[in-house]
Structures are given as structure tokens and as C-alpha cells.
Protein backbone atom coordinates (compact mmCIF):
# COMPACT_ATOMS: atom_id res chain seq x y z
CA MET A 1 -26.84 40.06 -0.90
CA LYS A 2 -24.28 40.93 -3.54
CA SER A 3 -21.45 40.83 -0.98
CA LEU A 4 -22.58 37.36 0.23
CA LYS A 5 -22.45 36.03 -3.33
CA LYS A 6 -18.99 37.58 -3.82
CA TYR A 7 -17.84 36.08 -0.51
CA THR A 8 -19.17 32.64 -1.52
CA ASN A 9 -17.46 32.81 -4.91
CA ASP A 10 -14.17 33.87 -3.30
CA ALA A 11 -14.44 31.07 -0.75
CA LEU A 12 -15.13 28.52 -3.52
CA LYS A 13 -12.17 29.87 -5.51
CA TYR A 14 -9.77 29.39 -2.60
CA CYS A 15 -11.27 26.01 -1.76
CA ARG A 16 -10.78 25.02 -5.39
CA TYR A 17 -7.09 26.03 -5.20
CA TRP A 18 -6.73 24.09 -1.97
CA GLN A 19 -8.31 20.99 -3.55
CA ILE A 20 -6.02 21.24 -6.58
CA PHE A 21 -3.01 21.44 -4.24
CA ILE A 22 -4.13 18.45 -2.14
CA LYS A 23 -5.03 16.37 -5.19
CA THR A 24 -1.61 17.11 -6.74
CA ILE A 25 0.09 15.81 -3.59
CA LEU A 26 -2.12 12.69 -3.69
CA ILE A 27 -1.27 12.10 -7.37
CA ILE A 28 2.45 12.34 -6.58
CA PHE A 29 2.02 9.91 -3.65
CA PHE A 30 0.06 7.37 -5.72
CA LEU A 31 2.55 7.57 -8.60
CA PHE A 32 5.44 7.08 -6.18
CA MET A 33 3.81 3.99 -4.64
CA ILE A 34 3.08 2.54 -8.10
CA TYR A 35 6.69 3.20 -9.12
CA LEU A 36 8.02 1.40 -6.02
CA TYR A 37 5.86 -1.65 -6.71
CA ARG A 38 6.91 -1.75 -10.39
CA GLU A 39 10.58 -1.50 -9.40
CA ASP A 40 10.08 -4.37 -6.98
CA MET A 41 8.42 -6.44 -9.71
CA ILE A 42 11.36 -5.78 -12.04
CA HIS A 43 13.99 -6.92 -9.53
CA TYR A 44 12.15 -9.87 -7.90
CA THR A 45 10.35 -12.93 -9.28
CA THR A 46 7.75 -14.98 -7.41
CA ILE A 47 7.94 -18.77 -7.43
CA GLN A 48 6.62 -21.66 -5.39
CA ALA A 49 8.89 -23.37 -2.87
CA VAL A 50 8.63 -26.42 -0.61
CA ILE A 51 9.45 -26.27 3.09
CA LYS A 52 11.99 -28.98 3.90
CA LYS A 53 12.35 -28.11 7.58
CA ALA A 54 10.19 -25.93 9.80
CA ASP A 55 11.24 -24.93 13.28
CA CYS A 56 8.40 -22.77 14.63
CA LYS A 57 8.16 -21.43 18.16
CA GLU A 58 5.30 -19.50 19.65
CA ASN A 59 6.58 -16.35 21.33
CA VAL A 60 4.99 -13.58 23.34
CA THR A 61 5.65 -9.91 22.96
CA ILE A 62 4.43 -7.17 25.28
CA VAL A 63 2.67 -4.35 23.45
CA GLN A 64 2.76 -1.10 25.37
CA GLU A 65 -0.23 1.16 24.82
CA ARG A 66 -0.85 4.61 26.22
CA TYR A 67 -2.28 3.56 29.58
CA SER A 68 -1.82 -0.20 29.63
CA SER A 69 -0.06 -3.10 28.00
CA HIS A 70 -1.08 -6.50 26.70
CA ASN A 71 0.57 -9.65 25.43
CA GLU A 72 0.48 -10.74 21.80
CA LEU A 73 1.40 -14.17 20.50
CA TYR A 74 3.36 -14.62 17.30
CA ASN A 75 5.06 -17.53 15.55
CA ASP A 76 8.79 -17.25 14.98
CA CYS A 77 9.67 -19.77 12.27
CA GLN A 78 13.06 -20.71 10.93
CA LEU A 79 12.43 -22.47 7.62
CA ASN A 80 14.61 -24.32 5.18
CA VAL A 81 13.02 -23.99 1.75
CA GLU A 82 13.79 -25.72 -1.52
CA TYR A 83 13.05 -24.03 -4.81
CA ILE A 84 13.98 -24.67 -8.43
CA ILE A 85 15.08 -21.97 -10.87
CA ASP A 86 16.06 -22.90 -14.43
CA GLY A 87 16.48 -26.57 -13.47
CA LYS A 88 18.84 -25.79 -10.58
CA THR A 89 17.70 -26.64 -7.03
CA TYR A 90 18.41 -24.21 -4.21
CA ASN A 91 18.12 -24.85 -0.45
CA LYS A 92 18.06 -21.71 1.66
CA PRO A 93 17.06 -20.69 5.19
CA LEU A 94 14.19 -18.26 5.58
CA ARG A 95 12.94 -16.65 8.79
CA THR A 96 9.36 -15.50 9.15
CA ILE A 97 7.07 -14.35 11.94
CA ASP A 98 3.75 -14.15 10.08
CA GLY A 99 2.32 -17.65 10.48
CA LYS A 100 2.92 -21.26 11.44
CA TYR A 101 4.46 -23.49 8.80
CA TYR A 102 5.00 -27.25 8.58
CA LYS A 103 7.33 -29.55 6.70
CA ASN A 104 6.32 -30.14 3.04
CA ASP A 105 4.05 -27.06 2.94
CA GLU A 106 4.19 -25.15 -0.31
CA ILE A 107 4.73 -21.40 -0.03
CA TYR A 108 5.42 -18.57 -2.42
CA ILE A 109 8.76 -16.80 -2.21
CA ASP A 110 10.38 -13.96 -4.12
CA TYR A 111 13.94 -14.28 -5.33
CA GLU A 112 16.16 -11.48 -6.54
CA ASN A 113 16.84 -11.75 -10.27
CA LYS A 114 20.53 -10.80 -9.94
CA ASN A 115 21.17 -13.10 -6.96
CA LYS A 116 18.91 -16.14 -6.99
CA GLU A 117 20.00 -17.08 -3.47
CA ASN A 118 18.56 -13.89 -1.99
CA ILE A 119 14.97 -14.83 -1.10
CA ARG A 120 12.09 -13.47 0.93
CA LEU A 121 8.57 -14.60 1.75
CA HIS A 122 6.07 -13.36 -0.85
CA ASP A 123 3.71 -10.74 0.57
CA ILE A 124 0.36 -10.46 -1.23
CA THR A 125 -0.39 -7.21 0.63
CA ASN A 126 1.92 -5.32 -1.75
CA LYS A 127 -0.29 -6.30 -4.69
CA TYR A 128 -3.40 -5.05 -2.88
CA ILE A 129 -1.68 -1.76 -2.12
CA PHE A 130 -0.63 -1.48 -5.78
CA TYR A 131 -4.17 -1.98 -7.08
CA GLY A 132 -5.54 0.34 -4.40
CA CYS A 133 -3.10 3.04 -5.54
CA ILE A 134 -4.18 2.60 -9.17
CA ILE A 135 -7.86 2.92 -8.21
CA GLY A 136 -7.09 5.91 -5.96
CA LEU A 137 -5.10 7.56 -8.75
CA ILE A 138 -7.97 7.15 -11.21
CA ILE A 139 -10.48 8.60 -8.73
CA VAL A 140 -8.25 11.57 -7.91
CA LEU A 141 -7.56 12.25 -11.61
CA VAL A 142 -11.30 12.26 -12.39
CA MET A 143 -11.93 14.61 -9.46
CA MET A 144 -9.08 16.86 -10.59
CA TYR A 145 -10.48 16.96 -14.14
CA PHE A 146 -13.86 18.17 -12.91
CA ILE A 147 -12.35 20.67 -10.46
CA ILE A 148 -10.09 22.22 -13.13
CA PHE A 149 -12.18 22.10 -16.32
CA HIS A 150 -15.78 22.26 -15.03
CA LYS A 151 -15.43 24.70 -12.15
CA ASN A 152 -18.60 26.69 -13.02
CA LYS A 153 -21.01 23.73 -13.04
CA PRO A 154 -23.34 23.63 -10.01
CA PHE A 155 -22.49 20.04 -9.02
CA VAL A 156 -18.76 20.82 -9.13
CA LYS A 157 -19.27 23.91 -6.94
CA TRP A 158 -21.27 21.75 -4.52
CA PHE A 159 -18.55 19.08 -4.60
CA ILE A 160 -15.78 21.62 -3.94
CA GLY A 161 -17.83 23.14 -1.11
CA ILE A 162 -18.38 19.72 0.51
CA LEU A 163 -14.67 18.84 0.22
CA CYS A 164 -13.65 22.21 1.64
CA PHE A 165 -16.14 21.96 4.50
CA ARG A 166 -14.87 18.45 5.27
CA SER A 167 -11.27 19.77 5.32
CA LEU A 168 -12.24 22.56 7.69
CA THR A 169 -14.06 20.27 10.13
CA ASN A 170 -11.20 17.78 10.38
């Protein structure tokens, strides 16, 4: 019985080290993603623009899967957008394949702060990824706190055991 308890404690110790290692990698990943988003926010500004001309064509692409293929439709749009920065009006072409646009639609674009003529379509997905990374970072930091500073508490031992068992079964 004593050897089983020693074996369990040794297994929990190594699982704890493994969890600290994995959580450290996750923290580095989340911090890197947050840094990339912040850098993007520093160099680009989002504004509203009006589509002056929209030339959209529906195209088909063949998606090859492992054993078969299928066709997917997408809209290839060549837009001319007008936007105003500091009282100056800019007209620039913009190509997009994410949706169908019409003349006089209002869209959000990002322009580069150093070169106001360099534009791109604003992608809200980046903001969702940013907030997801912040939430993930907070969760991982809380888990790391309990794993490092409260390692002898029964619920932390249970938690480490569950995480280790989940890692082994994957």
C-alpha cells in the first residue's frame, strides 16, 4: 500500500511538471497572439468607406478532399472605395472574396497610418481572436497559479490527475 501511494505521488509530481511545461507554452502562445494584434492596431486604423463601384463575379473552386472533391462558390469582387481621412478624400481599388458587395454600400476598411493609400478590408475575426486569447491567458494563468502554489490541496491533485489522464488518452 505504501508503494502505491509513493507511485501515485511520483506520478502526480511528473504530471504537475508536464502541466507547468504545457501551460508555459500556452502562455507564450497567447502573449504572442496578443502582441501581434496590438502591433496591428498600432499600425492600422479602421474607418468607414463607401463603395463607389462594385464588380462582383461568382466563381467556383474545386476543393479536393481525401477521397473526393466538391465545388464551392465564392464571390470575387473588385471594389472602388472612397474614404475620407483628415478632410482628404481617397479613391482606391480593393479586391475581396469574402462576400457580395453593391454600389453605395458602406464597409469598414483599415488603412496603414504611414501610407494612407494602403488599405485592406476590416476583419472582425481578429478582434474575436484577440479577446479569446485574453480569456485563454487568464484561464491558463489561474490554472498555473493553483498548480504551482497549491499543489498539496486535494482538488488541485484531482485537477492535475484529470489533466494528465486526458493528455495520456489523447
